[in-house]
């Protein structure tokens, strides 16, 4: 408790004097196409969260990638959108975001660092390491951020995994607010997950990405992408699940 209070005090003290680079900040918001979708109060909140993100997380470009200040804001705003109401402490416990220029191959070392291409089969757009870093492909960060209405966003996906990992291994159950019982969460998610898998196995169509059927952790991460960008996709198939995600994230979806 004392450590949490100390962190909160230090963050408030930092924000009291912190400033964004206005031109770069405006460029990031314009690239995200959110300038007209956020109220002044919402812009102030996401600005504060983004400043905390860039202060406390180490963003490390790899393989010659160079990120401008606007690029850093572009990434930070997307990451912080998930914790707009959850609070920045939901991202405590890890520090680093590695960014490859494009789709990568990755192997986690014992230190939690990417060791480079070609060490595991398969191409990745993003990766969240248990107790370690988030790894992202910049091309996917850009394409996901520049279209916030298609239901696909690698930043939302990987940072949803980090929320899921708060209390241990990813299992589709993040640390929940006091007004959501773990039993209710598990029941609603388990029923929707089982129904979704049966739907795919029987050949029935769904607008939800089939990757969500991989396991409960991927189901939560994929559904987070849809919740943030296309909540009606969830609502049409699993209205109880959409209502539960709304109680968890509490995001105002603006037209």
C-alpha atoms as a PDB file:
ATOM      1  CA  UNK A   1       0.000   0.000   0.000  1.00  0.00           C
ATOM      2  CA  UNK A   2       2.786   2.455   0.922  1.00  0.00           C
ATOM      3  CA  UNK A   3       4.624   1.670  -2.315  1.00  0.00           C
ATOM      4  CA  UNK A   4       1.458   2.322  -4.313  1.00  0.00           C
ATOM      5  CA  UNK A   5       0.903   5.640  -2.520  1.00  0.00           C
ATOM      6  CA  UNK A   6       4.525   6.587  -3.178  1.00  0.00           C
ATOM      7  CA  UNK A   7       4.196   5.813  -6.880  1.00  0.00           C
ATOM      8  CA  UNK A   8       0.977   7.798  -7.129  1.00  0.00           C
ATOM      9  CA  UNK A   9       2.588  10.785  -5.417  1.00  0.00           C
ATOM     10  CA  UNK A  10       5.626  10.677  -7.710  1.00  0.00           C
ATOM     11  CA  UNK A  11       3.408  10.465 -10.787  1.00  0.00           C
ATOM     12  CA  UNK A  12       1.301  13.425  -9.713  1.00  0.00           C
ATOM     13  CA  UNK A  13       4.429  15.428  -9.006  1.00  0.00           C
ATOM     14  CA  UNK A  14       5.851  14.591 -12.449  1.00  0.00           C
ATOM     15  CA  UNK A  15       2.620  15.508 -14.239  1.00  0.00           C
ATOM     16  CA  UNK A  16       2.429  18.845 -12.458  1.00  0.00           C
ATOM     17  CA  UNK A  17       5.371  20.064 -14.544  1.00  0.00           C
ATOM     18  CA  UNK A  18       5.399  17.773 -17.568  1.00  0.00           C
ATOM     19  CA  UNK A  19       4.654  19.076 -21.041  1.00  0.00           C
ATOM     20  CA  UNK A  20       4.266  17.453 -24.430  1.00  0.00           C
ATOM     21  CA  UNK A  21       5.939  18.756 -27.569  1.00  0.00           C
ATOM     22  CA  UNK A  22       2.827  20.389 -28.984  1.00  0.00           C
ATOM     23  CA  UNK A  23       3.560  20.001 -32.701  1.00  0.00           C
ATOM     24  CA  UNK A  24       4.488  16.328 -32.322  1.00  0.00           C
ATOM     25  CA  UNK A  25       1.483  15.686 -30.078  1.00  0.00           C
ATOM     26  CA  UNK A  26      -0.896  17.281 -32.574  1.00  0.00           C
ATOM     27  CA  UNK A  27       0.654  15.255 -35.400  1.00  0.00           C
ATOM     28  CA  UNK A  28       0.136  12.014 -33.454  1.00  0.00           C
ATOM     29  CA  UNK A  29      -3.513  12.794 -32.733  1.00  0.00           C
ATOM     30  CA  UNK A  30      -4.121  13.704 -36.359  1.00  0.00           C
ATOM     31  CA  UNK A  31      -2.538  10.457 -37.549  1.00  0.00           C
ATOM     32  CA  UNK A  32      -4.769   8.590 -35.118  1.00  0.00           C
ATOM     33  CA  UNK A  33      -7.742  10.621 -36.368  1.00  0.00           C
ATOM     34  CA  UNK A  34      -8.997  11.228 -32.838  1.00  0.00           C
ATOM     35  CA  UNK A  35      -8.778  15.026 -32.611  1.00  0.00           C
ATOM     36  CA  UNK A  36     -12.488  15.450 -33.201  1.00  0.00           C
ATOM     37  CA  UNK A  37     -13.457  12.380 -31.203  1.00  0.00           C
ATOM     38  CA  UNK A  38     -12.042  13.395 -27.829  1.00  0.00           C
ATOM     39  CA  UNK A  39     -13.380  16.075 -25.530  1.00  0.00           C
ATOM     40  CA  UNK A  40     -10.882  18.526 -23.974  1.00  0.00           C
ATOM     41  CA  UNK A  41     -11.094  16.558 -20.712  1.00  0.00           C
ATOM     42  CA  UNK A  42     -10.401  13.288 -22.513  1.00  0.00           C
ATOM     43  CA  UNK A  43      -7.462  14.814 -24.370  1.00  0.00           C
ATOM     44  CA  UNK A  44      -6.009  16.020 -21.072  1.00  0.00           C
ATOM     45  CA  UNK A  45      -6.366  12.560 -19.544  1.00  0.00           C
ATOM     46  CA  UNK A  46      -4.791  10.689 -22.455  1.00  0.00           C
ATOM     47  CA  UNK A  47      -1.996  13.263 -22.570  1.00  0.00           C
ATOM     48  CA  UNK A  48      -1.164  12.651 -18.909  1.00  0.00           C
ATOM     49  CA  UNK A  49      -1.238   8.891 -19.343  1.00  0.00           C
ATOM     50  CA  UNK A  50       0.964   9.128 -22.435  1.00  0.00           C
ATOM     51  CA  UNK A  51       3.507  11.274 -20.608  1.00  0.00           C
ATOM     52  CA  UNK A  52       3.638   8.685 -17.816  1.00  0.00           C
ATOM     53  CA  UNK A  53       4.005   5.909 -20.371  1.00  0.00           C
ATOM     54  CA  UNK A  54       6.972   7.561 -22.074  1.00  0.00           C
ATOM     55  CA  UNK A  55       8.571   8.337 -18.720  1.00  0.00           C
ATOM     56  CA  UNK A  56       8.226   4.882 -17.187  1.00  0.00           C
ATOM     57  CA  UNK A  57       8.480   2.572 -20.197  1.00  0.00           C
ATOM     58  CA  UNK A  58      11.651   2.225 -22.248  1.00  0.00           C
ATOM     59  CA  UNK A  59      10.804   2.138 -25.960  1.00  0.00           C
ATOM     60  CA  UNK A  60      13.682   0.528 -27.831  1.00  0.00           C
ATOM     61  CA  UNK A  61      13.692   0.591 -31.662  1.00  0.00           C
ATOM     62  CA  UNK A  62      15.550  -2.312 -33.281  1.00  0.00           C
ATOM     63  CA  UNK A  63      17.301  -3.000 -36.602  1.00  0.00           C
ATOM     64  CA  UNK A  64      17.905   0.646 -37.456  1.00  0.00           C
ATOM     65  CA  UNK A  65      14.346   1.820 -36.871  1.00  0.00           C
ATOM     66  CA  UNK A  66      14.152   5.504 -35.930  1.00  0.00           C
ATOM     67  CA  UNK A  67      11.060   6.772 -34.122  1.00  0.00           C
ATOM     68  CA  UNK A  68      10.229  10.471 -33.983  1.00  0.00           C
ATOM     69  CA  UNK A  69       8.615  12.142 -30.992  1.00  0.00           C
ATOM     70  CA  UNK A  70       5.298  12.039 -32.867  1.00  0.00           C
ATOM     71  CA  UNK A  71       5.811   8.293 -33.387  1.00  0.00           C
ATOM     72  CA  UNK A  72       6.339   7.820 -29.659  1.00  0.00           C
ATOM     73  CA  UNK A  73       3.142   9.719 -28.883  1.00  0.00           C
ATOM     74  CA  UNK A  74       1.346   7.707 -31.581  1.00  0.00           C
ATOM     75  CA  UNK A  75       2.283   4.481 -29.799  1.00  0.00           C
ATOM     76  CA  UNK A  76       1.725   5.794 -26.281  1.00  0.00           C
ATOM     77  CA  UNK A  77      -1.806   7.060 -26.956  1.00  0.00           C
ATOM     78  CA  UNK A  78      -2.874   3.653 -28.245  1.00  0.00           C
ATOM     79  CA  UNK A  79      -1.328   1.814 -25.299  1.00  0.00           C
ATOM     80  CA  UNK A  80      -2.850   4.203 -22.788  1.00  0.00           C
ATOM     81  CA  UNK A  81      -6.342   4.099 -24.275  1.00  0.00           C
ATOM     82  CA  UNK A  82      -6.856   0.715 -22.605  1.00  0.00           C
ATOM     83  CA  UNK A  83      -6.044   2.080 -19.144  1.00  0.00           C
ATOM     84  CA  UNK A  84      -7.943   5.354 -19.557  1.00  0.00           C
ATOM     85  CA  UNK A  85     -10.161   4.341 -16.611  1.00  0.00           C
ATOM     86  CA  UNK A  86      -8.209   1.402 -15.217  1.00  0.00           C
ATOM     87  CA  UNK A  87      -5.333   3.710 -14.261  1.00  0.00           C
ATOM     88  CA  UNK A  88      -1.675   3.649 -15.228  1.00  0.00           C
ATOM     89  CA  UNK A  89      -0.777   1.284 -12.374  1.00  0.00           C
ATOM     90  CA  UNK A  90      -2.347  -1.495 -14.458  1.00  0.00           C
ATOM     91  CA  UNK A  91       0.919  -1.406 -16.430  1.00  0.00           C
ATOM     92  CA  UNK A  92       3.196  -1.702 -13.400  1.00  0.00           C
ATOM     93  CA  UNK A  93       5.722  -4.514 -13.165  1.00  0.00           C
ATOM     94  CA  UNK A  94       7.494  -4.293 -16.520  1.00  0.00           C
ATOM     95  CA  UNK A  95       9.445  -1.642 -18.411  1.00  0.00           C
ATOM     96  CA  UNK A  96      10.371  -2.250 -22.036  1.00  0.00           C
ATOM     97  CA  UNK A  97       8.714  -2.024 -25.438  1.00  0.00           C
ATOM     98  CA  UNK A  98      10.858  -3.334 -28.297  1.00  0.00           C
ATOM     99  CA  UNK A  99       9.875  -2.188 -31.776  1.00  0.00           C
ATOM    100  CA  UNK A 100      10.962  -3.963 -34.963  1.00  0.00           C
ATOM    101  CA  UNK A 101      10.567  -2.108 -38.268  1.00  0.00           C
ATOM    102  CA  UNK A 102       8.171  -4.761 -39.611  1.00  0.00           C
ATOM    103  CA  UNK A 103       6.901  -8.309 -39.112  1.00  0.00           C
ATOM    104  CA  UNK A 104       9.538 -10.218 -37.156  1.00  0.00           C
ATOM    105  CA  UNK A 105      10.679 -13.596 -35.929  1.00  0.00           C
ATOM    106  CA  UNK A 106      11.435 -13.621 -32.243  1.00  0.00           C
ATOM    107  CA  UNK A 107      12.767 -15.775 -29.439  1.00  0.00           C
ATOM    108  CA  UNK A 108      12.596 -14.661 -25.826  1.00  0.00           C
ATOM    109  CA  UNK A 109      15.892 -14.825 -24.010  1.00  0.00           C
ATOM    110  CA  UNK A 110      16.156 -15.456 -20.299  1.00  0.00           C
ATOM    111  CA  UNK A 111      16.478 -11.697 -19.864  1.00  0.00           C
ATOM    112  CA  UNK A 112      13.223 -11.137 -21.755  1.00  0.00           C
ATOM    113  CA  UNK A 113      14.921  -9.513 -24.740  1.00  0.00           C
ATOM    114  CA  UNK A 114      14.330 -10.348 -28.398  1.00  0.00           C
ATOM    115  CA  UNK A 115      17.311 -12.155 -29.914  1.00  0.00           C
ATOM    116  CA  UNK A 116      16.535 -11.373 -33.535  1.00  0.00           C
ATOM    117  CA  UNK A 117      15.011 -12.839 -36.645  1.00  0.00           C
ATOM    118  CA  UNK A 118      14.974 -16.471 -37.684  1.00  0.00           C
ATOM    119  CA  UNK A 119      15.106 -18.091 -34.251  1.00  0.00           C
ATOM    120  CA  UNK A 120      11.517 -19.305 -34.145  1.00  0.00           C
ATOM    121  CA  UNK A 121       9.297 -20.376 -37.024  1.00  0.00           C
ATOM    122  CA  UNK A 122       6.438 -18.052 -37.792  1.00  0.00           C
ATOM    123  CA  UNK A 123       6.119 -14.355 -38.401  1.00  0.00           C
ATOM    124  CA  UNK A 124       4.852 -12.122 -35.620  1.00  0.00           C
ATOM    125  CA  UNK A 125       3.220  -8.699 -35.546  1.00  0.00           C
ATOM    126  CA  UNK A 126       3.468  -8.460 -31.778  1.00  0.00           C
ATOM    127  CA  UNK A 127       4.332 -10.353 -28.628  1.00  0.00           C
ATOM    128  CA  UNK A 128       3.760  -9.811 -24.916  1.00  0.00           C
ATOM    129  CA  UNK A 129       6.256 -11.607 -22.696  1.00  0.00           C
ATOM    130  CA  UNK A 130       5.191 -12.883 -19.291  1.00  0.00           C
ATOM    131  CA  UNK A 131       6.940 -10.630 -16.775  1.00  0.00           C
ATOM    132  CA  UNK A 132       8.898  -8.973 -19.574  1.00  0.00           C
ATOM    133  CA  UNK A 133       8.648  -6.782 -22.612  1.00  0.00           C
ATOM    134  CA  UNK A 134       6.084  -6.022 -25.246  1.00  0.00           C
ATOM    135  CA  UNK A 135       7.465  -6.533 -28.765  1.00  0.00           C
ATOM    136  CA  UNK A 136       5.806  -4.826 -31.732  1.00  0.00           C
ATOM    137  CA  UNK A 137       6.205  -4.502 -35.493  1.00  0.00           C
ATOM    138  CA  UNK A 138       6.114  -0.794 -36.340  1.00  0.00           C
ATOM    139  CA  UNK A 139       4.360  -1.300 -39.676  1.00  0.00           C
ATOM    140  CA  UNK A 140       1.517  -2.993 -37.777  1.00  0.00           C
ATOM    141  CA  UNK A 141       1.446  -0.282 -35.122  1.00  0.00           C
ATOM    142  CA  UNK A 142       1.048   2.319 -37.869  1.00  0.00           C
ATOM    143  CA  UNK A 143      -1.615   0.476 -39.846  1.00  0.00           C
ATOM    144  CA  UNK A 144      -3.612  -0.364 -36.728  1.00  0.00           C
ATOM    145  CA  UNK A 145      -3.455   3.172 -35.367  1.00  0.00           C
ATOM    146  CA  UNK A 146      -4.340   4.884 -38.619  1.00  0.00           C
ATOM    147  CA  UNK A 147      -7.601   2.920 -38.871  1.00  0.00           C
ATOM    148  CA  UNK A 148      -9.287   2.761 -35.482  1.00  0.00           C
ATOM    149  CA  UNK A 149     -12.507   1.366 -36.910  1.00  0.00           C
ATOM    150  CA  UNK A 150     -11.493  -1.960 -38.468  1.00  0.00           C
ATOM    151  CA  UNK A 151     -11.335  -4.084 -35.303  1.00  0.00           C
ATOM    152  CA  UNK A 152      -7.632  -4.879 -35.756  1.00  0.00           C
ATOM    153  CA  UNK A 153      -4.957  -3.196 -33.643  1.00  0.00           C
ATOM    154  CA  UNK A 154      -1.737  -4.879 -32.538  1.00  0.00           C
ATOM    155  CA  UNK A 155      -1.167  -2.385 -29.701  1.00  0.00           C
ATOM    156  CA  UNK A 156      -4.577  -3.037 -28.184  1.00  0.00           C
ATOM    157  CA  UNK A 157      -4.006  -6.768 -28.604  1.00  0.00           C
ATOM    158  CA  UNK A 158      -0.580  -7.005 -26.973  1.00  0.00           C
ATOM    159  CA  UNK A 159      -1.330  -4.567 -24.175  1.00  0.00           C
ATOM    160  CA  UNK A 160      -4.526  -6.486 -23.407  1.00  0.00           C
ATOM    161  CA  UNK A 161      -2.215  -9.454 -22.846  1.00  0.00           C
ATOM    162  CA  UNK A 162      -0.209  -7.366 -20.369  1.00  0.00           C
ATOM    163  CA  UNK A 163      -3.404  -6.559 -18.477  1.00  0.00           C
ATOM    164  CA  UNK A 164      -4.241 -10.256 -18.507  1.00  0.00           C
ATOM    165  CA  UNK A 165      -0.781 -11.049 -17.108  1.00  0.00           C
ATOM    166  CA  UNK A 166      -1.131  -8.750 -14.089  1.00  0.00           C
ATOM    167  CA  UNK A 167      -1.949 -11.618 -11.758  1.00  0.00           C
ATOM    168  CA  UNK A 168       0.180 -14.316 -13.405  1.00  0.00           C
ATOM    169  CA  UNK A 169      -0.026 -16.363 -16.579  1.00  0.00           C
ATOM    170  CA  UNK A 170      -2.444 -15.101 -19.239  1.00  0.00           C
ATOM    171  CA  UNK A 171      -5.765 -16.903 -18.963  1.00  0.00           C
ATOM    172  CA  UNK A 172      -8.315 -14.344 -20.122  1.00  0.00           C
ATOM    173  CA  UNK A 173      -8.972 -13.058 -16.600  1.00  0.00           C
ATOM    174  CA  UNK A 174      -7.260  -9.754 -15.739  1.00  0.00           C
ATOM    175  CA  UNK A 175      -7.355  -8.181 -12.302  1.00  0.00           C
ATOM    176  CA  UNK A 176     -10.969  -7.098 -12.041  1.00  0.00           C
ATOM    177  CA  UNK A 177     -12.532  -4.009 -10.456  1.00  0.00           C
ATOM    178  CA  UNK A 178     -14.472  -4.553  -7.275  1.00  0.00           C
ATOM    179  CA  UNK A 179     -17.854  -4.428  -9.012  1.00  0.00           C
ATOM    180  CA  UNK A 180     -17.088  -7.451 -11.248  1.00  0.00           C
ATOM    181  CA  UNK A 181     -16.932 -10.843  -9.571  1.00  0.00           C
ATOM    182  CA  UNK A 182     -14.372 -13.322 -10.957  1.00  0.00           C
ATOM    183  CA  UNK A 183     -17.140 -15.914 -11.098  1.00  0.00           C
ATOM    184  CA  UNK A 184     -19.329 -13.751 -13.331  1.00  0.00           C
ATOM    185  CA  UNK A 185     -16.384 -12.915 -15.586  1.00  0.00           C
ATOM    186  CA  UNK A 186     -15.292 -16.520 -15.971  1.00  0.00           C
ATOM    187  CA  UNK A 187     -18.831 -17.748 -16.613  1.00  0.00           C
ATOM    188  CA  UNK A 188     -19.626 -15.190 -19.309  1.00  0.00           C
ATOM    189  CA  UNK A 189     -16.246 -15.514 -21.017  1.00  0.00           C
ATOM    190  CA  UNK A 190     -16.182 -19.305 -20.842  1.00  0.00           C
ATOM    191  CA  UNK A 191     -19.662 -19.598 -22.346  1.00  0.00           C
ATOM    192  CA  UNK A 192     -18.823 -17.183 -25.160  1.00  0.00           C
ATOM    193  CA  UNK A 193     -15.446 -18.823 -25.837  1.00  0.00           C
ATOM    194  CA  UNK A 194     -16.935 -22.322 -25.989  1.00  0.00           C
ATOM    195  CA  UNK A 195     -19.756 -21.136 -28.234  1.00  0.00           C
ATOM    196  CA  UNK A 196     -17.307 -19.362 -30.533  1.00  0.00           C
ATOM    197  CA  UNK A 197     -15.160 -22.467 -30.922  1.00  0.00           C
ATOM    198  CA  UNK A 198     -18.198 -24.647 -31.617  1.00  0.00           C
ATOM    199  CA  UNK A 199     -19.391 -22.090 -34.160  1.00  0.00           C
ATOM    200  CA  UNK A 200     -16.114 -22.266 -36.067  1.00  0.00           C
ATOM    201  CA  UNK A 201     -15.933 -26.067 -35.859  1.00  0.00           C
ATOM    202  CA  UNK A 202     -19.428 -26.381 -37.306  1.00  0.00           C
ATOM    203  CA  UNK A 203     -18.620 -24.029 -40.173  1.00  0.00           C
ATOM    204  CA  UNK A 204     -20.914 -21.229 -39.043  1.00  0.00           C
ATOM    205  CA  UNK A 205     -19.774 -17.719 -39.844  1.00  0.00           C
ATOM    206  CA  UNK A 206     -18.648 -15.081 -37.384  1.00  0.00           C
ATOM    207  CA  UNK A 207     -17.360 -11.545 -37.873  1.00  0.00           C
ATOM    208  CA  UNK A 208     -14.880 -12.167 -35.049  1.00  0.00           C
ATOM    209  CA  UNK A 209     -11.346 -13.116 -36.121  1.00  0.00           C
ATOM    210  CA  UNK A 210     -10.918 -16.929 -35.877  1.00  0.00           C
ATOM    211  CA  UNK A 211      -7.621 -16.374 -34.040  1.00  0.00           C
ATOM    212  CA  UNK A 212      -9.749 -15.638 -30.982  1.00  0.00           C
ATOM    213  CA  UNK A 213     -10.467 -19.394 -30.742  1.00  0.00           C
ATOM    214  CA  UNK A 214      -6.797 -20.169 -29.993  1.00  0.00           C
ATOM    215  CA  UNK A 215      -7.189 -20.063 -26.204  1.00  0.00           C
ATOM    216  CA  UNK A 216      -8.891 -17.884 -23.532  1.00  0.00           C
ATOM    217  CA  UNK A 217      -5.979 -15.425 -23.452  1.00  0.00           C
ATOM    218  CA  UNK A 218      -6.191 -14.776 -27.196  1.00  0.00           C
ATOM    219  CA  UNK A 219      -9.968 -14.603 -26.958  1.00  0.00           C
ATOM    220  CA  UNK A 220      -9.661 -11.762 -24.433  1.00  0.00           C
ATOM    221  CA  UNK A 221      -7.012  -9.947 -26.496  1.00  0.00           C
ATOM    222  CA  UNK A 222      -8.920 -10.211 -29.785  1.00  0.00           C
ATOM    223  CA  UNK A 223     -12.195  -9.202 -28.127  1.00  0.00           C
ATOM    224  CA  UNK A 224     -10.401  -6.188 -26.653  1.00  0.00           C
ATOM    225  CA  UNK A 225      -9.486  -5.090 -30.193  1.00  0.00           C
ATOM    226  CA  UNK A 226     -13.133  -5.321 -31.237  1.00  0.00           C
ATOM    227  CA  UNK A 227     -14.331  -3.658 -28.041  1.00  0.00           C
ATOM    228  CA  UNK A 228     -12.095  -0.665 -28.661  1.00  0.00           C
ATOM    229  CA  UNK A 229     -12.836  -0.319 -32.379  1.00  0.00           C
ATOM    230  CA  UNK A 230     -15.945  -2.269 -33.396  1.00  0.00           C
ATOM    231  CA  UNK A 231     -17.961  -3.041 -30.242  1.00  0.00           C
ATOM    232  CA  UNK A 232     -21.077  -3.793 -32.295  1.00  0.00           C
ATOM    233  CA  UNK A 233     -19.347  -6.905 -33.663  1.00  0.00           C
ATOM    234  CA  UNK A 234     -19.243  -8.328 -30.134  1.00  0.00           C
ATOM    235  CA  UNK A 235     -22.717  -7.054 -29.287  1.00  0.00           C
ATOM    236  CA  UNK A 236     -24.305  -8.782 -32.263  1.00  0.00           C
ATOM    237  CA  UNK A 237     -23.019 -12.188 -31.170  1.00  0.00           C
ATOM    238  CA  UNK A 238     -22.332 -11.932 -27.435  1.00  0.00           C
ATOM    239  CA  UNK A 239     -24.183  -9.006 -25.843  1.00  0.00           C
ATOM    240  CA  UNK A 240     -23.479 -10.186 -22.275  1.00  0.00           C
ATOM    241  CA  UNK A 241     -19.781 -10.271 -23.067  1.00  0.00           C
ATOM    242  CA  UNK A 242     -19.871  -6.755 -24.498  1.00  0.00           C
ATOM    243  CA  UNK A 243     -21.620  -5.520 -21.361  1.00  0.00           C
ATOM    244  CA  UNK A 244     -18.922  -7.128 -19.207  1.00  0.00           C
ATOM    245  CA  UNK A 245     -16.103  -5.578 -21.237  1.00  0.00           C
ATOM    246  CA  UNK A 246     -17.848  -2.212 -20.901  1.00  0.00           C
ATOM    247  CA  UNK A 247     -17.894  -2.606 -17.125  1.00  0.00           C
ATOM    248  CA  UNK A 248     -14.181  -3.453 -17.198  1.00  0.00           C
ATOM    249  CA  UNK A 249     -12.759  -0.874 -19.624  1.00  0.00           C
ATOM    250  CA  UNK A 250     -15.518   1.784 -19.309  1.00  0.00           C
ATOM    251  CA  UNK A 251     -14.549   3.410 -22.615  1.00  0.00           C
ATOM    252  CA  UNK A 252     -16.910   5.948 -24.179  1.00  0.00           C
ATOM    253  CA  UNK A 253     -17.209   4.977 -27.830  1.00  0.00           C
ATOM    254  CA  UNK A 254     -17.478   8.166 -29.814  1.00  0.00           C
ATOM    255  CA  UNK A 255     -18.706   8.471 -33.384  1.00  0.00           C
END
